[in-house]
Amino acid sequence: MTSAEYIDMTNLARGAWIDVETKNRHYQIECLGGSAIRISGHPDYCPEPEAGYLQGAADKEGVLEPGLIGRGKYLKFMLGDHRPITTSRVLSLHVCRPAVSQQFSSTSVQ
């Protein structure tokens, strides 16, 4: 897992995991491609992984940086039922990128 100040979701491959610790909660986010996510970590809204999409990182004035998650910012996301969620301030971020699978082909020599 790699620690980060900011994460740009557009640079993450499908299957990457983001571990987000906020002031009040600990979220696990799976990247599903683009801004689509599966998120868990809130006991009321997403105690089990739930589909949604990332809106971005907001500062204390509410200015949104689309597609980003940033330390010191507030994570904003929408759940599958279009319920907007804003977290407490993000304290730490860790990224686990998916393993790259290689396909091997065999060649026969005659």
PDB file of N, CA and C in Angstrom:
ATOM      1  N   MET A   1       0.845  -1.169   0.000  1.00  0.00           N
ATOM      2  CA  MET A   1       0.000   0.000   0.000  1.00  0.00           C
ATOM      3  C   MET A   1       0.894   1.238   0.000  1.00  0.00           C
ATOM      4  N   THR A   2       0.487   2.244  -0.766  1.00  0.00           N
ATOM      5  CA  THR A   2       1.245   3.472  -0.892  1.00  0.00           C
ATOM      6  C   THR A   2       0.483   4.615  -0.244  1.00  0.00           C
ATOM      7  N   SER A   3       1.175   5.414   0.585  1.00  0.00           N
ATOM      8  CA  SER A   3       0.569   6.573   1.214  1.00  0.00           C
ATOM      9  C   SER A   3       0.559   7.732   0.214  1.00  0.00           C
ATOM     10  N   ALA A   4      -0.438   8.621   0.313  1.00  0.00           N
ATOM     11  CA  ALA A   4      -0.537   9.725  -0.635  1.00  0.00           C
ATOM     12  C   ALA A   4      -1.147  10.961   0.020  1.00  0.00           C
ATOM     13  N   GLU A   5      -0.833  12.139  -0.541  1.00  0.00           N
ATOM     14  CA  GLU A   5      -1.454  13.403  -0.145  1.00  0.00           C
ATOM     15  C   GLU A   5      -2.767  13.584  -0.899  1.00  0.00           C
ATOM     16  N   TYR A   6      -2.710  13.320  -2.208  1.00  0.00           N
ATOM     17  CA  TYR A   6      -3.870  13.408  -3.094  1.00  0.00           C
ATOM     18  C   TYR A   6      -3.938  12.167  -3.955  1.00  0.00           C
ATOM     19  N   ILE A   7      -5.142  11.771  -4.296  1.00  0.00           N
ATOM     20  CA  ILE A   7      -5.343  10.671  -5.236  1.00  0.00           C
ATOM     21  C   ILE A   7      -6.289  11.178  -6.309  1.00  0.00           C
ATOM     22  N   ASP A   8      -5.886  11.007  -7.556  1.00  0.00           N
ATOM     23  CA  ASP A   8      -6.735  11.360  -8.692  1.00  0.00           C
ATOM     24  C   ASP A   8      -7.342  10.066  -9.212  1.00  0.00           C
ATOM     25  N   MET A   9      -8.657   9.932  -9.069  1.00  0.00           N
ATOM     26  CA  MET A   9      -9.341   8.695  -9.460  1.00  0.00           C
ATOM     27  C   MET A   9      -9.153   8.367 -10.939  1.00  0.00           C
ATOM     28  N   THR A  10      -8.952   9.377 -11.784  1.00  0.00           N
ATOM     29  CA  THR A  10      -8.791   9.110 -13.216  1.00  0.00           C
ATOM     30  C   THR A  10      -7.484   8.386 -13.514  1.00  0.00           C
ATOM     31  N   ASN A  11      -6.539   8.413 -12.573  1.00  0.00           N
ATOM     32  CA  ASN A  11      -5.261   7.727 -12.762  1.00  0.00           C
ATOM     33  C   ASN A  11      -5.233   6.321 -12.170  1.00  0.00           C
ATOM     34  N   LEU A  12      -6.323   5.899 -11.564  1.00  0.00           N
ATOM     35  CA  LEU A  12      -6.346   4.583 -10.929  1.00  0.00           C
ATOM     36  C   LEU A  12      -7.029   3.551 -11.819  1.00  0.00           C
ATOM     37  N   ALA A  13      -6.462   2.374 -11.839  1.00  0.00           N
ATOM     38  CA  ALA A  13      -7.032   1.276 -12.618  1.00  0.00           C
ATOM     39  C   ALA A  13      -8.226   0.674 -11.891  1.00  0.00           C
ATOM     40  N   ARG A  14      -9.106   0.092 -12.664  1.00  0.00           N
ATOM     41  CA  ARG A  14     -10.228  -0.646 -12.090  1.00  0.00           C
ATOM     42  C   ARG A  14      -9.660  -1.725 -11.165  1.00  0.00           C
ATOM     43  N   GLY A  15     -10.240  -1.874  -9.987  1.00  0.00           N
ATOM     44  CA  GLY A  15      -9.768  -2.869  -9.034  1.00  0.00           C
ATOM     45  C   GLY A  15      -8.819  -2.325  -7.982  1.00  0.00           C
ATOM     46  N   ALA A  16      -8.380  -1.059  -8.126  1.00  0.00           N
ATOM     47  CA  ALA A  16      -7.531  -0.447  -7.099  1.00  0.00           C
ATOM     48  C   ALA A  16      -8.372  -0.205  -5.846  1.00  0.00           C
ATOM     49  N   TRP A  17      -7.713  -0.273  -4.695  1.00  0.00           N
ATOM     50  CA  TRP A  17      -8.378  -0.034  -3.411  1.00  0.00           C
ATOM     51  C   TRP A  17      -7.782   1.196  -2.765  1.00  0.00           C
ATOM     52  N   ILE A  18      -8.637   2.003  -2.151  1.00  0.00           N
ATOM     53  CA  ILE A  18      -8.178   3.182  -1.415  1.00  0.00           C
ATOM     54  C   ILE A  18      -8.654   3.037   0.016  1.00  0.00           C
ATOM     55  N   ASP A  19      -7.739   3.186   0.928  1.00  0.00           N
ATOM     56  CA  ASP A  19      -8.022   3.140   2.352  1.00  0.00           C
ATOM     57  C   ASP A  19      -8.016   4.596   2.831  1.00  0.00           C
ATOM     58  N   VAL A  20      -9.161   5.088   3.289  1.00  0.00           N
ATOM     59  CA  VAL A  20      -9.297   6.489   3.682  1.00  0.00           C
ATOM     60  C   VAL A  20      -9.658   6.572   5.163  1.00  0.00           C
ATOM     61  N   GLU A  21      -8.808   7.228   5.932  1.00  0.00           N
ATOM     62  CA  GLU A  21      -9.116   7.468   7.337  1.00  0.00           C
ATOM     63  C   GLU A  21      -9.515   8.931   7.485  1.00  0.00           C
ATOM     64  N   THR A  22     -10.732   9.159   7.972  1.00  0.00           N
ATOM     65  CA  THR A  22     -11.182  10.520   8.242  1.00  0.00           C
ATOM     66  C   THR A  22     -11.138  10.747   9.749  1.00  0.00           C
ATOM     67  N   LYS A  23     -11.497  11.936  10.165  1.00  0.00           N
ATOM     68  CA  LYS A  23     -11.493  12.238  11.593  1.00  0.00           C
ATOM     69  C   LYS A  23     -12.417  11.305  12.371  1.00  0.00           C
ATOM     70  N   ASN A  24     -13.539  10.888  11.746  1.00  0.00           N
ATOM     71  CA  ASN A  24     -14.529  10.078  12.454  1.00  0.00           C
ATOM     72  C   ASN A  24     -14.701   8.652  11.967  1.00  0.00           C
ATOM     73  N   ARG A  25     -14.240   8.326  10.767  1.00  0.00           N
ATOM     74  CA  ARG A  25     -14.503   7.009  10.178  1.00  0.00           C
ATOM     75  C   ARG A  25     -13.288   6.486   9.429  1.00  0.00           C
ATOM     76  N   HIS A  26     -13.418   5.228   9.014  1.00  0.00           N
ATOM     77  CA  HIS A  26     -12.395   4.557   8.208  1.00  0.00           C
ATOM     78  C   HIS A  26     -13.123   3.921   7.025  1.00  0.00           C
ATOM     79  N   TYR A  27     -12.837   4.395   5.813  1.00  0.00           N
ATOM     80  CA  TYR A  27     -13.527   3.931   4.616  1.00  0.00           C
ATOM     81  C   TYR A  27     -12.620   3.060   3.760  1.00  0.00           C
ATOM     82  N   GLN A  28     -13.215   2.081   3.110  1.00  0.00           N
ATOM     83  CA  GLN A  28     -12.557   1.254   2.094  1.00  0.00           C
ATOM     84  C   GLN A  28     -13.272   1.548   0.779  1.00  0.00           C
ATOM     85  N   ILE A  29     -12.510   1.948  -0.231  1.00  0.00           N
ATOM     86  CA  ILE A  29     -13.090   2.301  -1.526  1.00  0.00           C
ATOM     87  C   ILE A  29     -12.467   1.428  -2.601  1.00  0.00           C
ATOM     88  N   GLU A  30     -13.295   0.781  -3.380  1.00  0.00           N
ATOM     89  CA  GLU A  30     -12.836   0.008  -4.532  1.00  0.00           C
ATOM     90  C   GLU A  30     -13.158   0.813  -5.783  1.00  0.00           C
ATOM     91  N   CYS A  31     -12.171   1.009  -6.649  1.00  0.00           N
ATOM     92  CA  CYS A  31     -12.371   1.733  -7.906  1.00  0.00           C
ATOM     93  C   CYS A  31     -12.987   0.795  -8.931  1.00  0.00           C
ATOM     94  N   LEU A  32     -14.082   1.246  -9.528  1.00  0.00           N
ATOM     95  CA  LEU A  32     -14.779   0.431 -10.519  1.00  0.00           C
ATOM     96  C   LEU A  32     -14.617   0.986 -11.927  1.00  0.00           C
ATOM     97  N   GLY A  33     -13.852   2.054 -12.076  1.00  0.00           N
ATOM     98  CA  GLY A  33     -13.631   2.692 -13.369  1.00  0.00           C
ATOM     99  C   GLY A  33     -14.275   4.062 -13.404  1.00  0.00           C
ATOM    100  N   GLY A  34     -13.525   5.068 -13.860  1.00  0.00           N
ATOM    101  CA  GLY A  34     -14.028   6.438 -13.861  1.00  0.00           C
ATOM    102  C   GLY A  34     -14.288   6.895 -12.444  1.00  0.00           C
ATOM    103  N   SER A  35     -15.448   7.477 -12.206  1.00  0.00           N
ATOM    104  CA  SER A  35     -15.784   7.911 -10.846  1.00  0.00           C
ATOM    105  C   SER A  35     -16.626   6.880 -10.103  1.00  0.00           C
ATOM    106  N   ALA A  36     -16.874   5.731 -10.735  1.00  0.00           N
ATOM    107  CA  ALA A  36     -17.666   4.671 -10.096  1.00  0.00           C
ATOM    108  C   ALA A  36     -16.849   3.998  -8.994  1.00  0.00           C
ATOM    109  N   ILE A  37     -17.482   3.806  -7.839  1.00  0.00           N
ATOM    110  CA  ILE A  37     -16.810   3.200  -6.692  1.00  0.00           C
ATOM    111  C   ILE A  37     -17.733   2.217  -5.998  1.00  0.00           C
ATOM    112  N   ARG A  38     -17.130   1.414  -5.138  1.00  0.00           N
ATOM    113  CA  ARG A  38     -17.857   0.615  -4.150  1.00  0.00           C
ATOM    114  C   ARG A  38     -17.213   1.020  -2.828  1.00  0.00           C
ATOM    115  N   ILE A  39     -18.038   1.477  -1.880  1.00  0.00           N
ATOM    116  CA  ILE A  39     -17.501   2.055  -0.648  1.00  0.00           C
ATOM    117  C   ILE A  39     -18.176   1.460   0.579  1.00  0.00           C
ATOM    118  N   SER A  40     -17.400   1.326   1.646  1.00  0.00           N
ATOM    119  CA  SER A  40     -17.937   0.910   2.940  1.00  0.00           C
ATOM    120  C   SER A  40     -17.189   1.668   4.025  1.00  0.00           C
ATOM    121  N   GLY A  41     -17.792   1.699   5.223  1.00  0.00           N
ATOM    122  CA  GLY A  41     -17.109   2.323   6.343  1.00  0.00           C
ATOM    123  C   GLY A  41     -17.970   3.219   7.212  1.00  0.00           C
ATOM    124  N   HIS A  42     -19.161   3.559   6.741  1.00  0.00           N
ATOM    125  CA  HIS A  42     -20.055   4.359   7.575  1.00  0.00           C
ATOM    126  C   HIS A  42     -21.131   3.438   8.134  1.00  0.00           C
ATOM    127  N   PRO A  43     -21.314   3.404   9.456  1.00  0.00           N
ATOM    128  CA  PRO A  43     -22.244   2.446  10.056  1.00  0.00           C
ATOM    129  C   PRO A  43     -23.703   2.626   9.639  1.00  0.00           C
ATOM    130  N   ASP A  44     -24.100   3.830   9.239  1.00  0.00           N
ATOM    131  CA  ASP A  44     -25.487   4.059   8.834  1.00  0.00           C
ATOM    132  C   ASP A  44     -25.681   4.006   7.320  1.00  0.00           C
ATOM    133  N   TYR A  45     -24.787   4.602   6.554  1.00  0.00           N
ATOM    134  CA  TYR A  45     -24.980   4.752   5.117  1.00  0.00           C
ATOM    135  C   TYR A  45     -24.373   3.630   4.285  1.00  0.00           C
ATOM    136  N   CYS A  46     -23.225   3.122   4.702  1.00  0.00           N
ATOM    137  CA  CYS A  46     -22.577   2.057   3.919  1.00  0.00           C
ATOM    138  C   CYS A  46     -21.764   1.135   4.832  1.00  0.00           C
ATOM    139  N   PRO A  47     -22.442   0.404   5.720  1.00  0.00           N
ATOM    140  CA  PRO A  47     -21.724  -0.524   6.599  1.00  0.00           C
ATOM    141  C   PRO A  47     -21.119  -1.685   5.806  1.00  0.00           C
ATOM    142  N   GLU A  48     -21.758  -2.055   4.721  1.00  0.00           N
ATOM    143  CA  GLU A  48     -21.262  -3.065   3.778  1.00  0.00           C
ATOM    144  C   GLU A  48     -20.971  -2.349   2.469  1.00  0.00           C
ATOM    145  N   PRO A  49     -20.093  -2.910   1.627  1.00  0.00           N
ATOM    146  CA  PRO A  49     -19.777  -2.243   0.355  1.00  0.00           C
ATOM    147  C   PRO A  49     -21.043  -1.911  -0.439  1.00  0.00           C
ATOM    148  N   GLU A  50     -21.123  -0.650  -0.871  1.00  0.00           N
ATOM    149  CA  GLU A  50     -22.278  -0.168  -1.616  1.00  0.00           C
ATOM    150  C   GLU A  50     -21.795   0.624  -2.831  1.00  0.00           C
ATOM    151  N   ALA A  51     -22.471   0.438  -3.953  1.00  0.00           N
ATOM    152  CA  ALA A  51     -22.112   1.142  -5.182  1.00  0.00           C
ATOM    153  C   ALA A  51     -22.435   2.627  -5.066  1.00  0.00           C
ATOM    154  N   GLY A  52     -21.591   3.422  -5.686  1.00  0.00           N
ATOM    155  CA  GLY A  52     -21.801   4.857  -5.711  1.00  0.00           C
ATOM    156  C   GLY A  52     -20.831   5.493  -6.673  1.00  0.00           C
ATOM    157  N   TYR A  53     -20.674   6.807  -6.576  1.00  0.00           N
ATOM    158  CA  TYR A  53     -19.628   7.437  -7.370  1.00  0.00           C
ATOM    159  C   TYR A  53     -19.007   8.582  -6.593  1.00  0.00           C
ATOM    160  N   LEU A  54     -17.726   8.793  -6.847  1.00  0.00           N
ATOM    161  CA  LEU A  54     -16.952   9.817  -6.175  1.00  0.00           C
ATOM    162  C   LEU A  54     -17.241  11.165  -6.810  1.00  0.00           C
ATOM    163  N   GLN A  55     -17.569  12.150  -5.988  1.00  0.00           N
ATOM    164  CA  GLN A  55     -17.716  13.511  -6.487  1.00  0.00           C
ATOM    165  C   GLN A  55     -16.373  14.220  -6.442  1.00  0.00           C
ATOM    166  N   GLY A  56     -15.656  14.077  -5.335  1.00  0.00           N
ATOM    167  CA  GLY A  56     -14.331  14.696  -5.234  1.00  0.00           C
ATOM    168  C   GLY A  56     -13.996  15.110  -3.824  1.00  0.00           C
ATOM    169  N   ALA A  57     -13.035  16.038  -3.728  1.00  0.00           N
ATOM    170  CA  ALA A  57     -12.559  16.553  -2.448  1.00  0.00           C
ATOM    171  C   ALA A  57     -13.024  17.997  -2.316  1.00  0.00           C
ATOM    172  N   ALA A  58     -13.550  18.337  -1.148  1.00  0.00           N
ATOM    173  CA  ALA A  58     -14.009  19.702  -0.903  1.00  0.00           C
ATOM    174  C   ALA A  58     -13.204  20.314   0.232  1.00  0.00           C
ATOM    175  N   ASP A  59     -12.962  21.615   0.125  1.00  0.00           N
ATOM    176  CA  ASP A  59     -12.311  22.310   1.230  1.00  0.00           C
ATOM    177  C   ASP A  59     -13.381  22.788   2.213  1.00  0.00           C
ATOM    178  N   LYS A  60     -12.970  23.491   3.258  1.00  0.00           N
ATOM    179  CA  LYS A  60     -13.942  23.877   4.288  1.00  0.00           C
ATOM    180  C   LYS A  60     -14.981  24.883   3.787  1.00  0.00           C
ATOM    181  N   GLU A  61     -14.695  25.568   2.679  1.00  0.00           N
ATOM    182  CA  GLU A  61     -15.671  26.469   2.077  1.00  0.00           C
ATOM    183  C   GLU A  61     -16.623  25.727   1.145  1.00  0.00           C
ATOM    184  N   GLY A  62     -16.342  24.436   0.877  1.00  0.00           N
ATOM    185  CA  GLY A  62     -17.193  23.641   0.011  1.00  0.00           C
ATOM    186  C   GLY A  62     -16.780  23.626  -1.445  1.00  0.00           C
ATOM    187  N   VAL A  63     -15.635  24.244  -1.767  1.00  0.00           N
ATOM    188  CA  VAL A  63     -15.141  24.243  -3.145  1.00  0.00           C
ATOM    189  C   VAL A  63     -14.700  22.829  -3.498  1.00  0.00           C
ATOM    190  N   LEU A  64     -15.294  22.278  -4.543  1.00  0.00           N
ATOM    191  CA  LEU A  64     -15.073  20.880  -4.925  1.00  0.00           C
ATOM    192  C   LEU A  64     -13.962  20.742  -5.963  1.00  0.00           C
ATOM    193  N   GLU A  65     -13.079  19.779  -5.750  1.00  0.00           N
ATOM    194  CA  GLU A  65     -12.070  19.386  -6.728  1.00  0.00           C
ATOM    195  C   GLU A  65     -12.521  18.036  -7.268  1.00  0.00           C
ATOM    196  N   PRO A  66     -13.196  18.011  -8.421  1.00  0.00           N
ATOM    197  CA  PRO A  66     -13.783  16.772  -8.952  1.00  0.00           C
ATOM    198  C   PRO A  66     -12.747  15.668  -9.176  1.00  0.00           C
ATOM    199  N   GLY A  67     -13.135  14.448  -8.793  1.00  0.00           N
ATOM    200  CA  GLY A  67     -12.304  13.272  -9.041  1.00  0.00           C
ATOM    201  C   GLY A  67     -11.135  13.082  -8.099  1.00  0.00           C
ATOM    202  N   LEU A  68     -10.941  13.980  -7.152  1.00  0.00           N
ATOM    203  CA  LEU A  68      -9.802  13.884  -6.239  1.00  0.00           C
ATOM    204  C   LEU A  68     -10.247  13.468  -4.845  1.00  0.00           C
ATOM    205  N   ILE A  69      -9.311  12.852  -4.131  1.00  0.00           N
ATOM    206  CA  ILE A  69      -9.434  12.631  -2.690  1.00  0.00           C
ATOM    207  C   ILE A  69      -8.161  13.224  -2.118  1.00  0.00           C
ATOM    208  N   GLY A  70      -8.267  14.093  -1.125  1.00  0.00           N
ATOM    209  CA  GLY A  70      -7.078  14.753  -0.608  1.00  0.00           C
ATOM    210  C   GLY A  70      -7.024  14.801   0.897  1.00  0.00           C
ATOM    211  N   ARG A  71      -5.816  14.642   1.399  1.00  0.00           N
ATOM    212  CA  ARG A  71      -5.610  14.778   2.838  1.00  0.00           C
ATOM    213  C   ARG A  71      -5.929  16.203   3.259  1.00  0.00           C
ATOM    214  N   GLY A  72      -6.661  16.355   4.363  1.00  0.00           N
ATOM    215  CA  GLY A  72      -7.056  17.670   4.841  1.00  0.00           C
ATOM    216  C   GLY A  72      -8.341  18.174   4.214  1.00  0.00           C
ATOM    217  N   LYS A  73      -8.865  17.453   3.235  1.00  0.00           N
ATOM    218  CA  LYS A  73     -10.108  17.833   2.554  1.00  0.00           C
ATOM    219  C   LYS A  73     -11.246  16.952   3.062  1.00  0.00           C
ATOM    220  N   TYR A  74     -12.429  17.204   2.565  1.00  0.00           N
ATOM    221  CA  TYR A  74     -13.617  16.426   2.902  1.00  0.00           C
ATOM    222  C   TYR A  74     -13.983  15.584   1.687  1.00  0.00           C
ATOM    223  N   LEU A  75     -14.123  14.293   1.860  1.00  0.00           N
ATOM    224  CA  LEU A  75     -14.500  13.382   0.781  1.00  0.00           C
ATOM    225  C   LEU A  75     -15.992  13.529   0.512  1.00  0.00           C
ATOM    226  N   LYS A  76     -16.347  13.699  -0.766  1.00  0.00           N
ATOM    227  CA  LYS A  76     -17.756  13.792  -1.154  1.00  0.00           C
ATOM    228  C   LYS A  76     -18.051  12.685  -2.144  1.00  0.00           C
ATOM    229  N   PHE A  77     -19.119  11.922  -1.865  1.00  0.00           N
ATOM    230  CA  PHE A  77     -19.524  10.858  -2.771  1.00  0.00           C
ATOM    231  C   PHE A  77     -21.032  10.709  -2.747  1.00  0.00           C
ATOM    232  N   MET A  78     -21.545  10.036  -3.759  1.00  0.00           N
ATOM    233  CA  MET A  78     -22.972   9.750  -3.867  1.00  0.00           C
ATOM    234  C   MET A  78     -23.130   8.241  -3.801  1.00  0.00           C
ATOM    235  N   LEU A  79     -24.116   7.794  -3.053  1.00  0.00           N
ATOM    236  CA  LEU A  79     -24.408   6.366  -3.007  1.00  0.00           C
ATOM    237  C   LEU A  79     -25.389   6.017  -4.122  1.00  0.00           C
ATOM    238  N   GLY A  80     -25.581   4.716  -4.334  1.00  0.00           N
ATOM    239  CA  GLY A  80     -26.415   4.234  -5.426  1.00  0.00           C
ATOM    240  C   GLY A  80     -27.809   4.824  -5.475  1.00  0.00           C
ATOM    241  N   ASP A  81     -28.344   5.193  -4.317  1.00  0.00           N
ATOM    242  CA  ASP A  81     -29.680   5.779  -4.300  1.00  0.00           C
ATOM    243  C   ASP A  81     -29.618   7.303  -4.424  1.00  0.00           C
ATOM    244  N   HIS A  82     -28.479   7.811  -4.870  1.00  0.00           N
ATOM    245  CA  HIS A  82     -28.252   9.244  -5.109  1.00  0.00           C
ATOM    246  C   HIS A  82     -28.290  10.077  -3.838  1.00  0.00           C
ATOM    247  N   ARG A  83     -27.869   9.468  -2.747  1.00  0.00           N
ATOM    248  CA  ARG A  83     -27.787  10.161  -1.478  1.00  0.00           C
ATOM    249  C   ARG A  83     -26.387  10.772  -1.358  1.00  0.00           C
ATOM    250  N   PRO A  84     -26.253  12.111  -1.276  1.00  0.00           N
ATOM    251  CA  PRO A  84     -24.929  12.721  -1.158  1.00  0.00           C
ATOM    252  C   PRO A  84     -24.376  12.572   0.260  1.00  0.00           C
ATOM    253  N   ILE A  85     -23.095  12.244   0.340  1.00  0.00           N
ATOM    254  CA  ILE A  85     -22.416  12.088   1.633  1.00  0.00           C
ATOM    255  C   ILE A  85     -21.171  12.962   1.615  1.00  0.00           C
ATOM    256  N   THR A  86     -20.952  13.699   2.695  1.00  0.00           N
ATOM    257  CA  THR A  86     -19.710  14.441   2.892  1.00  0.00           C
ATOM    258  C   THR A  86     -19.110  13.935   4.194  1.00  0.00           C
ATOM    259  N   THR A  87     -17.876  13.483   4.139  1.00  0.00           N
ATOM    260  CA  THR A  87     -17.223  12.923   5.318  1.00  0.00           C
ATOM    261  C   THR A  87     -16.610  14.024   6.177  1.00  0.00           C
ATOM    262  N   SER A  88     -16.101  13.625   7.327  1.00  0.00           N
ATOM    263  CA  SER A  88     -15.259  14.523   8.109  1.00  0.00           C
ATOM    264  C   SER A  88     -13.909  14.636   7.380  1.00  0.00           C
ATOM    265  N   ARG A  89     -13.039  15.476   7.866  1.00  0.00           N
ATOM    266  CA  ARG A  89     -11.759  15.749   7.203  1.00  0.00           C
ATOM    267  C   ARG A  89     -10.918  14.477   7.050  1.00  0.00           C
ATOM    268  N   VAL A  90     -10.338  14.306   5.870  1.00  0.00           N
ATOM    269  CA  VAL A  90      -9.479  13.149   5.579  1.00  0.00           C
ATOM    270  C   VAL A  90      -8.134  13.335   6.290  1.00  0.00           C
ATOM    271  N   LEU A  91      -7.744  12.320   7.076  1.00  0.00           N
ATOM    272  CA  LEU A  91      -6.476  12.352   7.800  1.00  0.00           C
ATOM    273  C   LEU A  91      -5.369  11.607   7.066  1.00  0.00           C
ATOM    274  N   SER A  92      -5.718  10.463   6.437  1.00  0.00           N
ATOM    275  CA  SER A  92      -4.694   9.697   5.714  1.00  0.00           C
ATOM    276  C   SER A  92      -5.317   8.931   4.556  1.00  0.00           C
ATOM    277  N   LEU A  93      -4.486   8.680   3.545  1.00  0.00           N
ATOM    278  CA  LEU A  93      -4.884   7.957   2.330  1.00  0.00           C
ATOM    279  C   LEU A  93      -3.838   6.917   2.007  1.00  0.00           C
ATOM    280  N   HIS A  94      -4.274   5.733   1.645  1.00  0.00           N
ATOM    281  CA  HIS A  94      -3.378   4.687   1.181  1.00  0.00           C
ATOM    282  C   HIS A  94      -4.002   4.025  -0.037  1.00  0.00           C
ATOM    283  N   VAL A  95      -3.178   3.739  -1.028  1.00  0.00           N
ATOM    284  CA  VAL A  95      -3.653   3.131  -2.269  1.00  0.00           C
ATOM    285  C   VAL A  95      -3.025   1.769  -2.432  1.00  0.00           C
ATOM    286  N   CYS A  96      -3.851   0.800  -2.803  1.00  0.00           N
ATOM    287  CA  CYS A  96      -3.369  -0.536  -3.149  1.00  0.00           C
ATOM    288  C   CYS A  96      -3.770  -0.767  -4.604  1.00  0.00           C
ATOM    289  N   ARG A  97      -2.788  -0.752  -5.481  1.00  0.00           N
ATOM    290  CA  ARG A  97      -3.062  -0.927  -6.916  1.00  0.00           C
ATOM    291  C   ARG A  97      -3.235  -2.408  -7.219  1.00  0.00           C
ATOM    292  N   PRO A  98      -4.092  -2.713  -8.199  1.00  0.00           N
ATOM    293  CA  PRO A  98      -4.306  -4.128  -8.535  1.00  0.00           C
ATOM    294  C   PRO A  98      -3.050  -4.744  -9.127  1.00  0.00           C
ATOM    295  N   ALA A  99      -2.874  -6.021  -8.877  1.00  0.00           N
ATOM    296  CA  ALA A  99      -1.727  -6.736  -9.442  1.00  0.00           C
ATOM    297  C   ALA A  99      -1.909  -6.805 -10.952  1.00  0.00           C
ATOM    298  N   VAL A 100      -0.808  -6.633 -11.652  1.00  0.00           N
ATOM    299  CA  VAL A 100      -0.844  -6.716 -13.109  1.00  0.00           C
ATOM    300  C   VAL A 100      -0.693  -8.171 -13.493  1.00  0.00           C
ATOM    301  N   SER A 101      -1.674  -8.672 -14.199  1.00  0.00           N
ATOM    302  CA  SER A 101      -1.590 -10.075 -14.627  1.00  0.00           C
ATOM    303  C   SER A 101      -0.998 -10.125 -16.020  1.00  0.00           C
ATOM    304  N   GLN A 102      -0.161 -11.076 -16.226  1.00  0.00           N
ATOM    305  CA  GLN A 102       0.456 -11.259 -17.518  1.00  0.00           C
ATOM    306  C   GLN A 102      -0.069 -12.557 -18.093  1.00  0.00           C
ATOM    307  N   GLN A 103      -0.374 -12.508 -19.377  1.00  0.00           N
ATOM    308  CA  GLN A 103      -0.819 -13.717 -20.039  1.00  0.00           C
ATOM    309  C   GLN A 103       0.367 -14.259 -20.825  1.00  0.00           C
ATOM    310  N   PHE A 104       0.591 -15.522 -20.658  1.00  0.00           N
ATOM    311  CA  PHE A 104       1.688 -16.171 -21.360  1.00  0.00           C
ATOM    312  C   PHE A 104       1.084 -17.026 -22.454  1.00  0.00           C
ATOM    313  N   SER A 105       1.649 -16.921 -23.619  1.00  0.00           N
ATOM    314  CA  SER A 105       1.171 -17.774 -24.709  1.00  0.00           C
ATOM    315  C   SER A 105       2.275 -18.753 -25.077  1.00  0.00           C
ATOM    316  N   SER A 106       1.867 -19.922 -25.379  1.00  0.00           N
ATOM    317  CA  SER A 106       2.868 -20.924 -25.770  1.00  0.00           C
ATOM    318  C   SER A 106       2.917 -20.985 -27.297  1.00  0.00           C
ATOM    319  N   THR A 107       4.095 -21.117 -27.777  1.00  0.00           N
ATOM    320  CA  THR A 107       4.291 -21.228 -29.213  1.00  0.00           C
ATOM    321  C   THR A 107       4.865 -22.596 -29.511  1.00  0.00           C
ATOM    322  N   SER A 108       4.233 -23.265 -30.425  1.00  0.00           N
ATOM    323  CA  SER A 108       4.778 -24.586 -30.772  1.00  0.00           C
ATOM    324  C   SER A 108       5.690 -24.464 -31.983  1.00  0.00           C
ATOM    325  N   VAL A 109       6.778 -25.149 -31.926  1.00  0.00           N
ATOM    326  CA  VAL A 109       7.740 -25.149 -33.025  1.00  0.00           C
ATOM    327  C   VAL A 109       7.649 -26.498 -33.703  1.00  0.00           C
ATOM    328  N   GLN A 110       7.484 -26.470 -35.005  1.00  0.00           N
ATOM    329  CA  GLN A 110       7.388 -27.731 -35.746  1.00  0.00           C
ATOM    330  C   GLN A 110       8.534 -27.893 -36.697  1.00  0.00           C
TER     331      GLN A 110
END
